[in-house]
Amino acid sequence: MEIILLERIDRLGQMGDVVNVKNGYARNYLFPQKKALRKTADNMKAFEAKRAEYEAMNAKLKADAEQLAKDLKGLSVTIIRQAAETGQLYGSVTGRDICDAIAEKGFKVERRHVELNVPFKVMGVFDVALKLHPDVEQVIRVNIARSEAEAQKAAVKANKAAKAEKEAAVVEAVTEEAPKAETEEEAPKAEKKAKKAPKAKAKKADAE
């Protein structure tokens, strides 16, 4: 089916583009979410007549998403679930569960914003991406545990691991930069030696 995009959509195109999609995707998602129109002569005329309106609407949606992303920065949510000693959950944690946990913190995020293709089935601390707008993304931390006490311990452990990883990355960057700096420092010396070499040969020739 040919459709007209009313906003930029990943892997499809920009607002105003005419693209081909599967009928089910258009009817079940794009049309109900008001992200596209079926391509017809009348819809093309209607879109062009309202293009400025759509652009303004998209600009506001992006601005709202950017503000929400700023508010969600550094957010960590805890989800309590029953689990075996091995850490295996008796059930799973889905994108909807994550949305509910975010809502408890006072923020509204829709299920479609949560980039989670497979539900979590084990305890742990995970980074989850939120696609709040085609151009706006934020990452939050999801802590799945059997109790608040276990969640706190897991959070401390995760923070220590993240800090150690960051420090290791800094050390690696410095280590990689050091040989480069030495090479740059030795380069002028090499150039001086190269310039002196012909003069030394010339003196030797004169002596002979």
C-alpha atoms as a PDB file:
ATOM      1  CA  MET A   1       0.000   0.000   0.000  1.00  0.00           C
ATOM      2  CA  GLU A   2       1.271   3.499  -0.838  1.00  0.00           C
ATOM      3  CA  ILE A   3       1.066   5.995   2.020  1.00  0.00           C
ATOM      4  CA  ILE A   4       2.041   9.604   2.777  1.00  0.00           C
ATOM      5  CA  LEU A   5       4.155  10.000   5.908  1.00  0.00           C
ATOM      6  CA  LEU A   6       2.985  12.711   8.305  1.00  0.00           C
ATOM      7  CA  GLU A   7       6.241  12.580  10.319  1.00  0.00           C
ATOM      8  CA  ARG A   8       9.720  11.098  10.026  1.00  0.00           C
ATOM      9  CA  ILE A   9       9.715   7.370  10.725  1.00  0.00           C
ATOM     10  CA  ASP A  10      12.862   5.286  11.090  1.00  0.00           C
ATOM     11  CA  ARG A  11      13.627   3.066   8.111  1.00  0.00           C
ATOM     12  CA  LEU A  12      10.692   4.513   6.156  1.00  0.00           C
ATOM     13  CA  GLY A  13      11.351   8.164   5.343  1.00  0.00           C
ATOM     14  CA  GLN A  14      10.728  11.835   6.072  1.00  0.00           C
ATOM     15  CA  MET A  15       7.474  13.711   6.479  1.00  0.00           C
ATOM     16  CA  GLY A  16       5.798  14.084   3.083  1.00  0.00           C
ATOM     17  CA  ASP A  17       7.509  11.040   1.550  1.00  0.00           C
ATOM     18  CA  VAL A  18       5.340   8.553  -0.319  1.00  0.00           C
ATOM     19  CA  VAL A  19       6.378   4.997   0.557  1.00  0.00           C
ATOM     20  CA  ASN A  20       5.154   1.424   0.206  1.00  0.00           C
ATOM     21  CA  VAL A  21       4.279  -0.526   3.363  1.00  0.00           C
ATOM     22  CA  LYS A  22       2.375  -3.678   4.219  1.00  0.00           C
ATOM     23  CA  ASN A  23      -1.381  -3.223   4.535  1.00  0.00           C
ATOM     24  CA  GLY A  24      -1.472  -4.509   8.119  1.00  0.00           C
ATOM     25  CA  TYR A  25       1.281  -2.153   9.283  1.00  0.00           C
ATOM     26  CA  ALA A  26      -0.567   0.822   7.800  1.00  0.00           C
ATOM     27  CA  ARG A  27      -4.018  -0.117   9.121  1.00  0.00           C
ATOM     28  CA  ASN A  28      -2.972  -1.371  12.563  1.00  0.00           C
ATOM     29  CA  TYR A  29      -0.284   1.174  13.430  1.00  0.00           C
ATOM     30  CA  LEU A  30       0.382   4.077  11.071  1.00  0.00           C
ATOM     31  CA  PHE A  31      -3.211   5.153  10.436  1.00  0.00           C
ATOM     32  CA  PRO A  32      -4.498   4.811  14.059  1.00  0.00           C
ATOM     33  CA  GLN A  33      -1.422   6.698  15.338  1.00  0.00           C
ATOM     34  CA  LYS A  34      -2.021   9.417  12.723  1.00  0.00           C
ATOM     35  CA  LYS A  35       1.471   8.969  11.354  1.00  0.00           C
ATOM     36  CA  ALA A  36       0.400   8.488   7.732  1.00  0.00           C
ATOM     37  CA  LEU A  37      -2.381   8.817   5.170  1.00  0.00           C
ATOM     38  CA  ARG A  38      -3.303   6.495   2.336  1.00  0.00           C
ATOM     39  CA  LYS A  39      -1.953   7.934  -0.904  1.00  0.00           C
ATOM     40  CA  THR A  40      -4.823   9.336  -2.933  1.00  0.00           C
ATOM     41  CA  ALA A  41      -5.141  12.468  -5.050  1.00  0.00           C
ATOM     42  CA  ASP A  42      -7.394  14.062  -2.415  1.00  0.00           C
ATOM     43  CA  ASN A  43      -5.046  13.157   0.460  1.00  0.00           C
ATOM     44  CA  MET A  44      -2.041  14.532  -1.436  1.00  0.00           C
ATOM     45  CA  LYS A  45      -3.861  17.868  -1.888  1.00  0.00           C
ATOM     46  CA  ALA A  46      -4.984  17.862   1.751  1.00  0.00           C
ATOM     47  CA  PHE A  47      -1.438  17.138   2.944  1.00  0.00           C
ATOM     48  CA  GLU A  48       0.096  19.942   0.890  1.00  0.00           C
ATOM     49  CA  ALA A  49      -2.580  22.340   2.154  1.00  0.00           C
ATOM     50  CA  LYS A  50      -1.751  21.406   5.765  1.00  0.00           C
ATOM     51  CA  ARG A  51       2.003  20.883   5.394  1.00  0.00           C
ATOM     52  CA  ALA A  52       2.850  23.930   7.545  1.00  0.00           C
ATOM     53  CA  GLU A  53       0.431  22.682  10.211  1.00  0.00           C
ATOM     54  CA  TYR A  54       2.040  19.217  10.219  1.00  0.00           C
ATOM     55  CA  GLU A  55       5.515  20.745  10.427  1.00  0.00           C
ATOM     56  CA  ALA A  56       4.485  22.850  13.431  1.00  0.00           C
ATOM     57  CA  MET A  57       2.894  19.842  15.109  1.00  0.00           C
ATOM     58  CA  ASN A  58       6.041  17.748  14.565  1.00  0.00           C
ATOM     59  CA  ALA A  59       8.236  20.536  15.930  1.00  0.00           C
ATOM     60  CA  LYS A  60       6.127  20.639  19.112  1.00  0.00           C
ATOM     61  CA  LEU A  61       6.225  16.836  19.496  1.00  0.00           C
ATOM     62  CA  LYS A  62      10.008  16.908  19.187  1.00  0.00           C
ATOM     63  CA  ALA A  63      10.316  19.752  21.717  1.00  0.00           C
ATOM     64  CA  ASP A  64       8.091  17.868  24.181  1.00  0.00           C
ATOM     65  CA  ALA A  65      10.159  14.697  23.676  1.00  0.00           C
ATOM     66  CA  GLU A  66      13.397  16.593  24.266  1.00  0.00           C
ATOM     67  CA  GLN A  67      12.041  17.997  27.536  1.00  0.00           C
ATOM     68  CA  LEU A  68      10.881  14.535  28.642  1.00  0.00           C
ATOM     69  CA  ALA A  69      14.284  13.067  27.751  1.00  0.00           C
ATOM     70  CA  LYS A  70      15.932  15.743  29.906  1.00  0.00           C
ATOM     71  CA  ASP A  71      13.577  14.931  32.808  1.00  0.00           C
ATOM     72  CA  LEU A  72      14.253  11.190  32.460  1.00  0.00           C
ATOM     73  CA  LYS A  73      18.043  11.550  32.377  1.00  0.00           C
ATOM     74  CA  GLY A  74      19.610   9.406  35.114  1.00  0.00           C
ATOM     75  CA  LEU A  75      16.266   7.800  36.025  1.00  0.00           C
ATOM     76  CA  SER A  76      16.354   4.367  37.648  1.00  0.00           C
ATOM     77  CA  VAL A  77      13.226   2.297  38.292  1.00  0.00           C
ATOM     78  CA  THR A  78      12.871  -0.810  40.436  1.00  0.00           C
ATOM     79  CA  ILE A  79      10.558  -3.684  39.570  1.00  0.00           C
ATOM     80  CA  ILE A  80       9.957  -6.313  42.251  1.00  0.00           C
ATOM     81  CA  ARG A  81       9.263  -9.844  41.038  1.00  0.00           C
ATOM     82  CA  GLN A  82       9.370 -13.365  42.438  1.00  0.00           C
ATOM     83  CA  ALA A  83      12.345 -15.362  41.222  1.00  0.00           C
ATOM     84  CA  ALA A  84      14.271 -18.552  41.830  1.00  0.00           C
ATOM     85  CA  GLU A  85      17.642 -18.641  43.589  1.00  0.00           C
ATOM     86  CA  THR A  86      19.226 -18.872  40.142  1.00  0.00           C
ATOM     87  CA  GLY A  87      17.790 -15.449  39.301  1.00  0.00           C
ATOM     88  CA  GLN A  88      15.213 -16.824  36.866  1.00  0.00           C
ATOM     89  CA  LEU A  89      11.946 -14.891  37.126  1.00  0.00           C
ATOM     90  CA  TYR A  90       8.624 -16.623  37.716  1.00  0.00           C
ATOM     91  CA  GLY A  91       7.188 -14.809  34.738  1.00  0.00           C
ATOM     92  CA  SER A  92       8.748 -11.891  32.870  1.00  0.00           C
ATOM     93  CA  VAL A  93       9.094  -8.101  32.803  1.00  0.00           C
ATOM     94  CA  THR A  94       7.656  -6.490  29.679  1.00  0.00           C
ATOM     95  CA  GLY A  95       7.705  -3.057  28.134  1.00  0.00           C
ATOM     96  CA  ARG A  96       4.321  -2.394  29.720  1.00  0.00           C
ATOM     97  CA  ASP A  97       5.755  -3.172  33.165  1.00  0.00           C
ATOM     98  CA  ILE A  98       8.561  -0.689  32.513  1.00  0.00           C
ATOM     99  CA  CYS A  99       6.030   1.977  31.463  1.00  0.00           C
ATOM    100  CA  ASP A 100       4.103   1.392  34.699  1.00  0.00           C
ATOM    101  CA  ALA A 101       7.303   1.705  36.757  1.00  0.00           C
ATOM    102  CA  ILE A 102       8.143   4.982  35.000  1.00  0.00           C
ATOM    103  CA  ALA A 103       4.593   6.234  35.638  1.00  0.00           C
ATOM    104  CA  GLU A 104       5.093   5.589  39.373  1.00  0.00           C
ATOM    105  CA  LYS A 105       7.987   8.059  39.167  1.00  0.00           C
ATOM    106  CA  GLY A 106       5.638  10.660  37.724  1.00  0.00           C
ATOM    107  CA  PHE A 107       6.490  10.422  34.015  1.00  0.00           C
ATOM    108  CA  LYS A 108       4.273   9.293  31.154  1.00  0.00           C
ATOM    109  CA  VAL A 109       5.858   7.021  28.554  1.00  0.00           C
ATOM    110  CA  GLU A 110       3.946   4.912  26.049  1.00  0.00           C
ATOM    111  CA  ARG A 111       4.655   1.248  25.387  1.00  0.00           C
ATOM    112  CA  ARG A 112       5.750   2.005  21.826  1.00  0.00           C
ATOM    113  CA  HIS A 113       8.526   4.202  23.216  1.00  0.00           C
ATOM    114  CA  VAL A 114      10.216   1.318  25.060  1.00  0.00           C
ATOM    115  CA  GLU A 115      12.875  -0.347  22.893  1.00  0.00           C
ATOM    116  CA  LEU A 116      12.408  -3.863  24.268  1.00  0.00           C
ATOM    117  CA  ASN A 117      11.859  -6.641  21.751  1.00  0.00           C
ATOM    118  CA  VAL A 118      12.199  -9.523  24.227  1.00  0.00           C
ATOM    119  CA  PRO A 119      10.876  -9.421  27.830  1.00  0.00           C
ATOM    120  CA  PHE A 120      13.350  -9.765  30.701  1.00  0.00           C
ATOM    121  CA  LYS A 121      13.245 -13.215  32.287  1.00  0.00           C
ATOM    122  CA  VAL A 122      16.045 -12.863  34.852  1.00  0.00           C
ATOM    123  CA  MET A 123      16.866 -10.519  37.707  1.00  0.00           C
ATOM    124  CA  GLY A 124      19.473  -7.850  37.166  1.00  0.00           C
ATOM    125  CA  VAL A 125      20.177  -4.203  36.369  1.00  0.00           C
ATOM    126  CA  PHE A 126      19.611  -3.300  32.726  1.00  0.00           C
ATOM    127  CA  ASP A 127      19.882  -0.182  30.563  1.00  0.00           C
ATOM    128  CA  VAL A 128      16.734   0.290  28.475  1.00  0.00           C
ATOM    129  CA  ALA A 129      16.441   2.745  25.579  1.00  0.00           C
ATOM    130  CA  LEU A 130      13.342   4.901  25.212  1.00  0.00           C
ATOM    131  CA  LYS A 131      12.610   6.169  21.709  1.00  0.00           C
ATOM    132  CA  LEU A 132      10.564   9.222  22.627  1.00  0.00           C
ATOM    133  CA  HIS A 133      10.629  10.667  19.100  1.00  0.00           C
ATOM    134  CA  PRO A 134      12.311   9.631  15.826  1.00  0.00           C
ATOM    135  CA  ASP A 135      15.090  12.115  16.692  1.00  0.00           C
ATOM    136  CA  VAL A 136      15.040  11.845  20.511  1.00  0.00           C
ATOM    137  CA  GLU A 137      16.231   8.914  22.632  1.00  0.00           C
ATOM    138  CA  GLN A 138      16.967   8.477  26.326  1.00  0.00           C
ATOM    139  CA  VAL A 139      18.322   5.545  28.329  1.00  0.00           C
ATOM    140  CA  ILE A 140      17.054   4.639  31.787  1.00  0.00           C
ATOM    141  CA  ARG A 141      18.100   1.940  34.245  1.00  0.00           C
ATOM    142  CA  VAL A 142      15.734  -0.903  35.127  1.00  0.00           C
ATOM    143  CA  ASN A 143      16.505  -2.831  38.318  1.00  0.00           C
ATOM    144  CA  ILE A 144      14.653  -6.156  38.585  1.00  0.00           C
ATOM    145  CA  ALA A 145      14.910  -7.835  41.981  1.00  0.00           C
ATOM    146  CA  ARG A 146      12.992  -9.915  44.541  1.00  0.00           C
ATOM    147  CA  SER A 147      13.004  -7.166  47.175  1.00  0.00           C
ATOM    148  CA  GLU A 148      13.960  -3.533  47.693  1.00  0.00           C
ATOM    149  CA  ALA A 149      16.976  -4.647  49.749  1.00  0.00           C
ATOM    150  CA  GLU A 150      18.256  -6.862  46.923  1.00  0.00           C
ATOM    151  CA  ALA A 151      17.583  -4.077  44.432  1.00  0.00           C
ATOM    152  CA  GLN A 152      19.737  -1.659  46.451  1.00  0.00           C
ATOM    153  CA  LYS A 153      22.606  -4.157  46.616  1.00  0.00           C
ATOM    154  CA  ALA A 154      22.333  -4.792  42.867  1.00  0.00           C
ATOM    155  CA  ALA A 155      22.323  -1.035  42.191  1.00  0.00           C
ATOM    156  CA  VAL A 156      25.487  -0.490  44.246  1.00  0.00           C
ATOM    157  CA  LYS A 157      27.210  -3.355  42.440  1.00  0.00           C
ATOM    158  CA  ALA A 158      26.117  -2.046  39.039  1.00  0.00           C
ATOM    159  CA  ASN A 159      27.345   1.476  39.862  1.00  0.00           C
ATOM    160  CA  LYS A 160      30.746   0.133  40.907  1.00  0.00           C
ATOM    161  CA  ALA A 161      30.991  -1.912  37.704  1.00  0.00           C
ATOM    162  CA  ALA A 162      30.029   1.113  35.583  1.00  0.00           C
ATOM    163  CA  LYS A 163      32.609   3.286  37.376  1.00  0.00           C
ATOM    164  CA  ALA A 164      35.341   0.655  36.894  1.00  0.00           C
ATOM    165  CA  GLU A 165      34.437   0.326  33.208  1.00  0.00           C
ATOM    166  CA  LYS A 166      34.588   4.103  32.760  1.00  0.00           C
ATOM    167  CA  GLU A 167      37.982   4.308  34.472  1.00  0.00           C
ATOM    168  CA  ALA A 168      39.293   1.437  32.344  1.00  0.00           C
ATOM    169  CA  ALA A 169      38.124   3.252  29.204  1.00  0.00           C
ATOM    170  CA  VAL A 170      39.962   6.412  30.300  1.00  0.00           C
ATOM    171  CA  VAL A 171      43.161   4.464  30.995  1.00  0.00           C
ATOM    172  CA  GLU A 172      42.899   2.741  27.599  1.00  0.00           C
ATOM    173  CA  ALA A 173      42.411   6.091  25.847  1.00  0.00           C
ATOM    174  CA  VAL A 174      45.443   7.579  27.619  1.00  0.00           C
ATOM    175  CA  THR A 175      47.534   4.500  26.799  1.00  0.00           C
ATOM    176  CA  GLU A 176      46.611   4.726  23.125  1.00  0.00           C
ATOM    177  CA  GLU A 177      47.392   8.444  23.066  1.00  0.00           C
ATOM    178  CA  ALA A 178      50.835   8.081  24.722  1.00  0.00           C
ATOM    179  CA  PRO A 179      52.655   6.355  21.800  1.00  0.00           C
ATOM    180  CA  LYS A 180      51.110   8.882  19.449  1.00  0.00           C
ATOM    181  CA  ALA A 181      52.427  11.763  21.566  1.00  0.00           C
ATOM    182  CA  GLU A 182      55.875  10.176  21.712  1.00  0.00           C
ATOM    183  CA  THR A 183      55.897   9.751  17.951  1.00  0.00           C
ATOM    184  CA  GLU A 184      54.895  13.382  17.448  1.00  0.00           C
ATOM    185  CA  GLU A 185      57.643  14.450  19.875  1.00  0.00           C
ATOM    186  CA  GLU A 186      60.267  12.337  18.114  1.00  0.00           C
ATOM    187  CA  ALA A 187      59.292  13.562  14.652  1.00  0.00           C
ATOM    188  CA  PRO A 188      61.025  16.982  14.944  1.00  0.00           C
ATOM    189  CA  LYS A 189      64.184  15.242  16.239  1.00  0.00           C
ATOM    190  CA  ALA A 190      64.154  12.923  13.243  1.00  0.00           C
ATOM    191  CA  GLU A 191      63.767  15.887  10.921  1.00  0.00           C
ATOM    192  CA  LYS A 192      66.795  17.627  12.512  1.00  0.00           C
ATOM    193  CA  LYS A 193      68.900  14.476  12.096  1.00  0.00           C
ATOM    194  CA  ALA A 194      67.842  14.211   8.464  1.00  0.00           C
ATOM    195  CA  LYS A 195      68.851  17.825   7.833  1.00  0.00           C
ATOM    196  CA  LYS A 196      72.239  17.352   9.513  1.00  0.00           C
ATOM    197  CA  ALA A 197      73.053  14.138   7.615  1.00  0.00           C
ATOM    198  CA  PRO A 198      73.871  15.782   4.217  1.00  0.00           C
ATOM    199  CA  LYS A 199      76.120  18.355   5.938  1.00  0.00           C
ATOM    200  CA  ALA A 200      78.062  15.605   7.697  1.00  0.00           C
ATOM    201  CA  LYS A 201      78.605  13.778   4.405  1.00  0.00           C
ATOM    202  CA  ALA A 202      79.747  16.990   2.758  1.00  0.00           C
ATOM    203  CA  LYS A 203      82.368  17.635   5.467  1.00  0.00           C
ATOM    204  CA  LYS A 204      83.648  14.083   5.090  1.00  0.00           C
ATOM    205  CA  ALA A 205      83.977  14.555   1.317  1.00  0.00           C
ATOM    206  CA  ASP A 206      85.921  17.822   1.783  1.00  0.00           C
ATOM    207  CA  ALA A 207      88.301  16.121   4.177  1.00  0.00           C
ATOM    208  CA  GLU A 208      89.059  13.464   1.579  1.00  0.00           C
END
